[in-house]
C-alpha atoms as a PDB file:
ATOM      1  CA  MET A   1      12.494 -84.403 215.545  1.00  0.00           C
ATOM      2  CA  PRO A   2      11.833 -84.485 211.791  1.00  0.00           C
ATOM      3  CA  ALA A   3       9.918 -81.466 210.503  1.00  0.00           C
ATOM      4  CA  SER A   4       9.148 -82.733 207.007  1.00  0.00           C
ATOM      5  CA  ARG A   5       8.899 -85.985 205.125  1.00  0.00           C
ATOM      6  CA  PRO A   6      12.172 -87.925 205.325  1.00  0.00           C
ATOM      7  CA  PRO A   7      13.851 -89.226 202.185  1.00  0.00           C
ATOM      8  CA  ALA A   8      12.896 -92.762 201.215  1.00  0.00           C
ATOM      9  CA  PRO A   9      15.412 -95.271 202.644  1.00  0.00           C
ATOM     10  CA  ALA A  10      17.101 -97.893 200.548  1.00  0.00           C
ATOM     11  CA  THR A  11      15.273-100.748 202.272  1.00  0.00           C
ATOM     12  CA  ASP A  12      11.886-101.904 200.983  1.00  0.00           C
ATOM     13  CA  PRO A  13       9.252-101.315 203.694  1.00  0.00           C
ATOM     14  CA  ALA A  14       7.421-104.439 202.497  1.00  0.00           C
ATOM     15  CA  HIS A  15      10.445-106.632 203.194  1.00  0.00           C
ATOM     16  CA  PRO A  16      10.233-108.504 206.548  1.00  0.00           C
ATOM     17  CA  ALA A  17      13.749-107.341 207.443  1.00  0.00           C
ATOM     18  CA  ALA A  18      12.978-103.642 206.902  1.00  0.00           C
ATOM     19  CA  ARG A  19      13.945-101.682 209.999  1.00  0.00           C
ATOM     20  CA  TRP A  20      11.663 -99.402 211.927  1.00  0.00           C
ATOM     21  CA  GLN A  21      13.746 -96.235 211.847  1.00  0.00           C
ATOM     22  CA  GLY A  22      12.556 -92.923 213.222  1.00  0.00           C
ATOM     23  CA  TRP A  23      11.538 -91.186 216.445  1.00  0.00           C
ATOM     24  CA  ALA A  24       9.255 -92.435 219.205  1.00  0.00           C
ATOM     25  CA  ALA A  25       7.675 -91.023 222.342  1.00  0.00           C
ATOM     26  CA  ILE A  26       5.502 -92.363 225.138  1.00  0.00           C
ATOM     27  CA  THR A  27       2.811 -90.226 226.745  1.00  0.00           C
ATOM     28  CA  PRO A  28       0.160 -91.437 229.220  1.00  0.00           C
ATOM     29  CA  GLY A  29      -1.710 -94.221 227.465  1.00  0.00           C
ATOM     30  CA  ARG A  30      -0.056 -93.688 224.086  1.00  0.00           C
ATOM     31  CA  LEU A  31       3.072 -94.536 222.137  1.00  0.00           C
ATOM     32  CA  TYR A  32       3.857 -92.366 219.106  1.00  0.00           C
ATOM     33  CA  TYR A  33       6.219 -93.193 216.245  1.00  0.00           C
ATOM     34  CA  GLY A  34       7.290 -91.387 213.088  1.00  0.00           C
ATOM     35  CA  GLY A  35       9.598 -92.745 210.399  1.00  0.00           C
ATOM     36  CA  GLN A  36       9.956 -95.852 208.268  1.00  0.00           C
ATOM     37  CA  ILE A  37       7.175 -98.390 208.762  1.00  0.00           C
ATOM     38  CA  GLY A  38       8.205-101.950 207.994  1.00  0.00           C
ATOM     39  CA  ALA A  39       6.171-105.092 207.359  1.00  0.00           C
ATOM     40  CA  ALA A  40       4.809-107.059 210.319  1.00  0.00           C
ATOM     41  CA  ASP A  41       3.329-110.534 210.617  1.00  0.00           C
ATOM     42  CA  LEU A  42      -0.218-111.105 211.842  1.00  0.00           C
ATOM     43  CA  HIS A  43      -0.536-109.952 215.456  1.00  0.00           C
ATOM     44  CA  ALA A  44      -2.937-108.254 217.846  1.00  0.00           C
ATOM     45  CA  HIS A  45      -2.102-105.898 220.682  1.00  0.00           C
ATOM     46  CA  HIS A  46      -3.845-104.325 223.625  1.00  0.00           C
ATOM     47  CA  ALA A  47      -3.715-100.855 222.131  1.00  0.00           C
ATOM     48  CA  ALA A  48      -5.797 -99.411 219.324  1.00  0.00           C
ATOM     49  CA  GLN A  49      -3.582 -98.311 216.444  1.00  0.00           C
ATOM     50  CA  LEU A  50      -3.552 -95.332 214.113  1.00  0.00           C
ATOM     51  CA  LEU A  51      -1.360 -95.907 211.057  1.00  0.00           C
ATOM     52  CA  ILE A  52      -0.662 -93.326 208.329  1.00  0.00           C
ATOM     53  CA  GLY A  53       1.566 -93.622 205.260  1.00  0.00           C
ATOM     54  CA  ASP A  54       1.566 -93.652 201.467  1.00  0.00           C
ATOM     55  CA  GLY A  55       1.122 -97.138 199.985  1.00  0.00           C
ATOM     56  CA  LEU A  56       0.111 -99.046 203.128  1.00  0.00           C
ATOM     57  CA  VAL A  57      -1.302-102.537 202.586  1.00  0.00           C
ATOM     58  CA  LEU A  58      -2.892-104.282 205.583  1.00  0.00           C
ATOM     59  CA  ARG A  59      -4.201-107.837 206.004  1.00  0.00           C
ATOM     60  CA  ASP A  60      -6.896-109.024 208.387  1.00  0.00           C
ATOM     61  CA  ALA A  61      -7.286-112.407 210.115  1.00  0.00           C
ATOM     62  CA  ASP A  62      -9.296-113.767 207.166  1.00  0.00           C
ATOM     63  CA  GLY A  63      -6.450-113.043 204.755  1.00  0.00           C
ATOM     64  CA  ALA A  64      -8.097-110.107 202.982  1.00  0.00           C
ATOM     65  CA  GLU A  65      -5.628-107.390 201.950  1.00  0.00           C
ATOM     66  CA  HIS A  66      -6.546-103.740 201.486  1.00  0.00           C
ATOM     67  CA  ALA A  67      -4.495-100.701 200.450  1.00  0.00           C
ATOM     68  CA  MET A  68      -5.087 -97.461 202.328  1.00  0.00           C
ATOM     69  CA  THR A  69      -3.368 -94.247 203.320  1.00  0.00           C
ATOM     70  CA  ALA A  70      -4.674 -94.140 206.888  1.00  0.00           C
ATOM     71  CA  ALA A  71      -6.058 -96.854 209.139  1.00  0.00           C
ATOM     72  CA  PHE A  72      -7.504 -97.071 212.626  1.00  0.00           C
ATOM     73  CA  ILE A  73      -7.319-100.623 213.956  1.00  0.00           C
ATOM     74  CA  PRO A  74      -9.281-101.405 217.139  1.00  0.00           C
ATOM     75  CA  ALA A  75      -7.576-103.023 220.107  1.00  0.00           C
ATOM     76  CA  ASN A  76      -7.177-106.814 220.179  1.00  0.00           C
ATOM     77  CA  THR A  77      -7.816-107.028 216.418  1.00  0.00           C
ATOM     78  CA  PRO A  78      -5.504-109.368 214.437  1.00  0.00           C
ATOM     79  CA  HIS A  79      -3.747-107.543 211.636  1.00  0.00           C
ATOM     80  CA  ALA A  80      -0.596-107.657 209.523  1.00  0.00           C
ATOM     81  CA  ILE A  81       1.309-104.942 207.697  1.00  0.00           C
ATOM     82  CA  VAL A  82       1.912-106.428 204.256  1.00  0.00           C
ATOM     83  CA  ARG A  83       3.514-103.273 202.925  1.00  0.00           C
ATOM     84  CA  GLY A  84       4.684-100.418 205.093  1.00  0.00           C
ATOM     85  CA  ALA A  85       5.843 -96.967 204.072  1.00  0.00           C
ATOM     86  CA  SER A  86       9.176 -95.227 203.624  1.00  0.00           C
ATOM     87  CA  GLY A  87       7.791 -92.475 205.846  1.00  0.00           C
ATOM     88  CA  GLY A  88       4.747 -92.625 208.073  1.00  0.00           C
ATOM     89  CA  LEU A  89       3.164 -92.089 211.459  1.00  0.00           C
ATOM     90  CA  LEU A  90       1.906 -94.576 214.016  1.00  0.00           C
ATOM     91  CA  ALA A  91       0.120 -94.199 217.328  1.00  0.00           C
ATOM     92  CA  LEU A  92      -0.698 -96.952 219.809  1.00  0.00           C
ATOM     93  CA  ILE A  93      -3.560 -95.814 222.015  1.00  0.00           C
ATOM     94  CA  ASP A  94      -4.849 -97.413 225.188  1.00  0.00           C
ATOM     95  CA  PRO A  95      -8.428 -98.676 224.674  1.00  0.00           C
ATOM     96  CA  ALA A  96      -9.600 -96.376 227.475  1.00  0.00           C
ATOM     97  CA  GLN A  97      -8.785 -93.469 225.145  1.00  0.00           C
ATOM     98  CA  ALA A  98     -10.152 -95.004 221.936  1.00  0.00           C
ATOM     99  CA  GLY A  99     -13.603 -93.455 222.353  1.00  0.00           C
ATOM    100  CA  PRO A 100     -16.409 -94.012 219.849  1.00  0.00           C
ATOM    101  CA  VAL A 101     -14.141 -95.687 217.290  1.00  0.00           C
ATOM    102  CA  ARG A 102     -14.684 -98.926 219.219  1.00  0.00           C
ATOM    103  CA  ALA A 103     -18.339 -98.911 218.088  1.00  0.00           C
ATOM    104  CA  HIS A 104     -17.367 -99.281 214.409  1.00  0.00           C
ATOM    105  CA  PRO A 105     -19.493-102.123 212.908  1.00  0.00           C
ATOM    106  CA  ARG A 106     -16.649-103.741 210.911  1.00  0.00           C
ATOM    107  CA  LEU A 107     -13.964-104.181 213.523  1.00  0.00           C
ATOM    108  CA  ARG A 108     -12.293-107.355 212.253  1.00  0.00           C
ATOM    109  CA  SER A 109     -12.228-106.561 208.542  1.00  0.00           C
ATOM    110  CA  ALA A 110      -9.323-104.631 207.037  1.00  0.00           C
ATOM    111  CA  ALA A 111     -11.844-102.909 204.774  1.00  0.00           C
ATOM    112  CA  GLY A 112     -13.360-101.261 207.834  1.00  0.00           C
ATOM    113  CA  TRP A 113     -10.066 -99.868 209.175  1.00  0.00           C
ATOM    114  CA  ALA A 114      -9.618 -97.172 206.516  1.00  0.00           C
ATOM    115  CA  VAL A 115     -10.189 -93.617 207.734  1.00  0.00           C
ATOM    116  CA  GLU A 116     -10.332 -90.346 205.826  1.00  0.00           C
ATOM    117  CA  LEU A 117      -7.078 -88.599 206.644  1.00  0.00           C
ATOM    118  CA  ASP A 118      -4.627 -86.870 204.340  1.00  0.00           C
ATOM    119  CA  VAL A 119      -0.981 -87.810 204.749  1.00  0.00           C
ATOM    120  CA  PRO A 120       0.352 -84.770 206.623  1.00  0.00           C
ATOM    121  CA  ALA A 121       3.141 -82.575 205.300  1.00  0.00           C
ATOM    122  CA  VAL A 122       4.738 -82.378 208.761  1.00  0.00           C
ATOM    123  CA  TRP A 123       5.774 -85.565 210.534  1.00  0.00           C
ATOM    124  CA  ASP A 124       6.254 -84.317 214.076  1.00  0.00           C
ATOM    125  CA  LEU A 125       4.812 -85.325 217.441  1.00  0.00           C
ATOM    126  CA  PRO A 126       2.242 -82.488 217.775  1.00  0.00           C
ATOM    127  CA  THR A 127       0.778 -83.375 214.362  1.00  0.00           C
ATOM    128  CA  LEU A 128       0.415 -87.049 215.265  1.00  0.00           C
ATOM    129  CA  HIS A 129      -1.023 -86.207 218.675  1.00  0.00           C
ATOM    130  CA  ALA A 130      -3.665 -83.959 217.083  1.00  0.00           C
ATOM    131  CA  LEU A 131      -4.602 -86.620 214.522  1.00  0.00           C
ATOM    132  CA  ALA A 132      -4.995 -89.229 217.249  1.00  0.00           C
ATOM    133  CA  ASP A 133      -7.166 -86.875 219.291  1.00  0.00           C
ATOM    134  CA  ARG A 134      -9.343 -86.150 216.266  1.00  0.00           C
ATOM    135  CA  LEU A 135      -9.949 -89.842 215.551  1.00  0.00           C
ATOM    136  CA  THR A 136     -10.618 -90.849 219.140  1.00  0.00           C
ATOM    137  CA  GLY A 137     -12.844 -87.902 219.880  1.00  0.00           C
ATOM    138  CA  ALA A 138     -10.546 -86.744 222.645  1.00  0.00           C
ATOM    139  CA  ALA A 139     -11.292 -83.390 224.195  1.00  0.00           C
ATOM    140  CA  PRO A 140      -8.664 -80.649 223.988  1.00  0.00           C
ATOM    141  CA  ALA A 141      -6.057 -80.844 226.704  1.00  0.00           C
ATOM    142  CA  CYS A 142      -7.134 -79.276 229.993  1.00  0.00           C
ATOM    143  CA  PRO A 143      -5.058 -78.309 233.017  1.00  0.00           C
ATOM    144  CA  ARG A 144      -4.169 -81.313 235.191  1.00  0.00           C
ATOM    145  CA  HIS A 145      -5.017 -81.455 238.863  1.00  0.00           C
ATOM    146  CA  PRO A 146      -1.881 -80.396 240.804  1.00  0.00           C
ATOM    147  CA  ALA A 147      -1.981 -83.613 242.829  1.00  0.00           C
ATOM    148  CA  LEU A 148      -2.046 -85.661 239.627  1.00  0.00           C
ATOM    149  CA  ILE A 149       1.007 -83.843 238.302  1.00  0.00           C
ATOM    150  CA  HIS A 150       2.723 -84.496 241.628  1.00  0.00           C
ATOM    151  CA  ALA A 151       1.703 -88.158 241.472  1.00  0.00           C
ATOM    152  CA  THR A 152       3.340 -88.652 238.064  1.00  0.00           C
ATOM    153  CA  GLN A 153       6.518 -87.146 239.494  1.00  0.00           C
ATOM    154  CA  VAL A 154       6.367 -89.484 242.488  1.00  0.00           C
ATOM    155  CA  ILE A 155       5.941 -92.461 240.173  1.00  0.00           C
ATOM    156  CA  ASP A 156       8.977 -91.424 238.154  1.00  0.00           C
ATOM    157  CA  SER A 157      10.998 -91.180 241.378  1.00  0.00           C
ATOM    158  CA  LEU A 158       9.902 -94.639 242.557  1.00  0.00           C
ATOM    159  CA  LEU A 159      10.590 -96.531 239.340  1.00  0.00           C
ATOM    160  CA  PRO A 160      12.005 -99.080 238.726  1.00  0.00           C
ATOM    161  CA  ALA A 161      10.897-100.311 242.186  1.00  0.00           C
ATOM    162  CA  ARG A 162       7.384-101.537 242.805  1.00  0.00           C
ATOM    163  CA  VAL A 163       4.850 -98.681 242.699  1.00  0.00           C
ATOM    164  CA  ARG A 164       1.788 -98.940 244.945  1.00  0.00           C
ATOM    165  CA  LEU A 165      -1.284 -96.742 244.613  1.00  0.00           C
ATOM    166  CA  ALA A 166      -1.532 -96.316 248.397  1.00  0.00           C
ATOM    167  CA  GLU A 167       2.057 -95.109 248.653  1.00  0.00           C
ATOM    168  CA  VAL A 168       1.646 -92.545 245.872  1.00  0.00           C
ATOM    169  CA  ALA A 169      -1.701 -91.373 247.283  1.00  0.00           C
ATOM    170  CA  ARG A 170      -0.125 -90.741 250.676  1.00  0.00           C
ATOM    171  CA  ALA A 171       2.682 -88.777 249.049  1.00  0.00           C
ATOM    172  CA  VAL A 172       0.217 -86.419 247.332  1.00  0.00           C
ATOM    173  CA  HIS A 173      -2.214 -86.244 250.288  1.00  0.00           C
ATOM    174  CA  LEU A 174      -5.182 -87.871 248.565  1.00  0.00           C
ATOM    175  CA  SER A 175      -7.211 -90.982 249.223  1.00  0.00           C
ATOM    176  CA  ASP A 176      -6.516 -94.039 247.080  1.00  0.00           C
ATOM    177  CA  SER A 177      -9.929 -93.756 245.430  1.00  0.00           C
ATOM    178  CA  ARG A 178      -9.560 -90.043 244.657  1.00  0.00           C
ATOM    179  CA  LEU A 179      -6.148 -90.483 243.047  1.00  0.00           C
ATOM    180  CA  SER A 180      -7.370 -93.492 241.081  1.00  0.00           C
ATOM    181  CA  HIS A 181     -10.287 -91.411 239.791  1.00  0.00           C
ATOM    182  CA  LEU A 182      -7.943 -88.602 238.707  1.00  0.00           C
ATOM    183  CA  PHE A 183      -5.815 -90.985 236.649  1.00  0.00           C
ATOM    184  CA  THR A 184      -8.858 -92.371 234.852  1.00  0.00           C
ATOM    185  CA  SER A 185     -10.707 -89.090 234.372  1.00  0.00           C
ATOM    186  CA  GLN A 186      -7.812 -86.783 233.466  1.00  0.00           C
ATOM    187  CA  LEU A 187      -5.345 -89.153 231.795  1.00  0.00           C
ATOM    188  CA  GLY A 188      -7.895 -91.582 230.371  1.00  0.00           C
ATOM    189  CA  LEU A 189      -5.838 -94.382 231.886  1.00  0.00           C
ATOM    190  CA  PRO A 190      -6.106 -96.234 235.216  1.00  0.00           C
ATOM    191  CA  PHE A 191      -3.220 -96.091 237.660  1.00  0.00           C
ATOM    192  CA  ARG A 192      -1.687 -99.525 237.022  1.00  0.00           C
ATOM    193  CA  PRO A 193      -1.641 -99.276 233.194  1.00  0.00           C
ATOM    194  CA  TYR A 194      -0.107 -95.809 233.525  1.00  0.00           C
ATOM    195  CA  VAL A 195       2.717 -97.230 235.652  1.00  0.00           C
ATOM    196  CA  LEU A 196       3.202-100.018 233.102  1.00  0.00           C
ATOM    197  CA  TRP A 197       3.547 -97.512 230.253  1.00  0.00           C
ATOM    198  CA  MET A 198       6.151 -95.592 232.254  1.00  0.00           C
ATOM    199  CA  ARG A 199       8.003 -98.804 233.111  1.00  0.00           C
ATOM    200  CA  LEU A 200       7.950 -99.774 229.457  1.00  0.00           C
ATOM    201  CA  ARG A 201       9.488 -96.455 228.450  1.00  0.00           C
ATOM    202  CA  MET A 202      12.210 -97.025 231.047  1.00  0.00           C
ATOM    203  CA  ALA A 203      12.982-100.442 229.536  1.00  0.00           C
ATOM    204  CA  LEU A 204      13.057 -99.404 225.882  1.00  0.00           C
ATOM    205  CA  SER A 205      15.535 -96.552 226.306  1.00  0.00           C
ATOM    206  CA  PRO A 206      18.493 -98.750 227.403  1.00  0.00           C
ATOM    207  CA  LEU A 207      17.655-101.207 224.618  1.00  0.00           C
ATOM    208  CA  ALA A 208      18.149 -98.387 222.142  1.00  0.00           C
ATOM    209  CA  ASP A 209      21.564 -97.793 223.740  1.00  0.00           C
ATOM    210  CA  GLY A 210      22.624-101.417 223.257  1.00  0.00           C
ATOM    211  CA  ALA A 211      21.655-103.037 226.559  1.00  0.00           C
ATOM    212  CA  THR A 212      20.616-106.685 226.583  1.00  0.00           C
ATOM    213  CA  LEU A 213      16.971-107.650 227.145  1.00  0.00           C
ATOM    214  CA  THR A 214      17.847-108.894 230.618  1.00  0.00           C
ATOM    215  CA  GLU A 215      19.633-105.656 231.518  1.00  0.00           C
ATOM    216  CA  ALA A 216      16.746-103.555 230.211  1.00  0.00           C
ATOM    217  CA  ALA A 217      14.154-105.678 232.009  1.00  0.00           C
ATOM    218  CA  HIS A 218      15.947-105.408 235.353  1.00  0.00           C
ATOM    219  CA  ALA A 219      16.583-101.678 234.858  1.00  0.00           C
ATOM    220  CA  ALA A 220      12.834-101.113 234.510  1.00  0.00           C
ATOM    221  CA  GLY A 221      11.644-103.487 237.220  1.00  0.00           C
ATOM    222  CA  PHE A 222      10.382-106.343 235.051  1.00  0.00           C
ATOM    223  CA  ALA A 223      10.892-109.858 236.406  1.00  0.00           C
ATOM    224  CA  ASP A 224      13.101-110.966 233.526  1.00  0.00           C
ATOM    225  CA  ALA A 225      13.660-110.648 229.775  1.00  0.00           C
ATOM    226  CA  ALA A 226      10.742-112.974 229.013  1.00  0.00           C
ATOM    227  CA  HIS A 227       8.382-110.785 231.055  1.00  0.00           C
ATOM    228  CA  LEU A 228       9.517-107.651 229.225  1.00  0.00           C
ATOM    229  CA  THR A 229       9.193-109.343 225.845  1.00  0.00           C
ATOM    230  CA  ARG A 230       5.633-110.503 226.593  1.00  0.00           C
ATOM    231  CA  VAL A 231       4.572-107.007 227.642  1.00  0.00           C
ATOM    232  CA  VAL A 232       6.146-105.329 224.602  1.00  0.00           C
ATOM    233  CA  ARG A 233       4.644-107.819 222.162  1.00  0.00           C
ATOM    234  CA  ARG A 234       1.212-107.518 223.785  1.00  0.00           C
ATOM    235  CA  MET A 235       1.208-103.731 223.857  1.00  0.00           C
ATOM    236  CA  MET A 236       3.055-102.958 220.614  1.00  0.00           C
ATOM    237  CA  GLY A 237       2.974-106.026 218.410  1.00  0.00           C
ATOM    238  CA  GLN A 238       6.747-106.113 217.947  1.00  0.00           C
ATOM    239  CA  ALA A 239       9.761-107.608 219.670  1.00  0.00           C
ATOM    240  CA  PRO A 240      11.654-105.191 221.957  1.00  0.00           C
ATOM    241  CA  SER A 241      14.795-105.407 219.818  1.00  0.00           C
ATOM    242  CA  THR A 242      12.837-104.416 216.701  1.00  0.00           C
ATOM    243  CA  LEU A 243      11.389-101.345 218.379  1.00  0.00           C
ATOM    244  CA  ALA A 244      14.675-100.281 219.938  1.00  0.00           C
ATOM    245  CA  ALA A 245      16.852-100.544 216.832  1.00  0.00           C
ATOM    246  CA  GLY A 246      17.146 -97.266 214.976  1.00  0.00           C
ATOM    247  CA  VAL A 247      14.583 -95.440 217.144  1.00  0.00           C
ATOM    248  CA  GLN A 248      15.350 -92.085 218.739  1.00  0.00           C
ATOM    249  CA  TRP A 249      13.323 -91.723 221.946  1.00  0.00           C
ATOM    250  CA  LEU A 250      11.949 -88.264 222.676  1.00  0.00           C
ATOM    251  CA  THR A 251      11.416 -86.963 226.199  1.00  0.00           C
ATOM    252  CA  VAL A 252       7.865 -85.708 226.723  1.00  0.00           C
ATOM    253  CA  ALA A 253       6.547 -83.870 229.775  1.00  0.00           C
ATOM    254  CA  HIS A 254       3.352 -85.394 231.164  1.00  0.00           C
ATOM    255  CA  GLY A 255       2.224 -82.593 233.419  1.00  0.00           C
ATOM    256  CA  GLY A 256      -0.133 -80.991 230.840  1.00  0.00           C
END
C-alpha cells in the first residue's frame, strides 16, 4: 500500500485512455481506491462518491465544468471526470451510509459537489476511510455483534453460491429479522446489498489476474458476463475491465 504521494505517471489523467492504476479495497458498503484517476464519461452510479486529487475538473449533466480539489457527489447524480489526477483518492459509498450529505441543496450541480478537504500527504486506506467517515458523519467504529461477525464469515464460505438470509440466520442462531437489523444498524447496509458487494469483490479479483468477464462472472455467482458488467457499471461507473487493469486489490477484514 502506498504511504506517500506516487510519482506522476507518463499518461495524462485527462486523456480518455488514461489507466486507473493503484490499489483498491472493498469494505461493507464501500469501495476505496488510491492512485491515478483517469477521465470518465458522463455516468451515474448507485453509490455516493468522494473524490480527492490536485487539478480535478468535473462536469455535471447540464455541461457545467468546475475545478476542485475534493468533491462529494451524491448517489444517482450524473457526472463526468473531465480531468483526473496523477495521484488521488476515491471512495464509493452506499447511500445508506451517506448520512446528511444527501440533504445538500445543490445535488445536481457540479458547483455544489466541492467540499473543504486538503489533499492528504498520506494516500493509504486508513486515511481515506477516515475522510469518508468525516464527510458522511459516520460514528467511530464500534465493536460488532459476535453473531454479525459470524454471519459475514458464513457468507464468505457460501459464496459464490446463492446466499439466503434464512440460511445465514440459522447458522448464527438468530431470527431472520434480528440478523437483518444487525446488518443495517451495525454495517449501515442491508443484507442483500452486503452480499452483492462481497460477490463483486470476488468477481473483480480474477479479472485483475487476467480472467475473462465470463470466467469472473461465473466464479462470483453472477448469471453471465452481461450481468456482471451491468452491476459494476451501476455501482462504480466503470467497465469491469477498466477497474481491474492495473489495480492491486487489498484484503480487508470486516469483523471490526
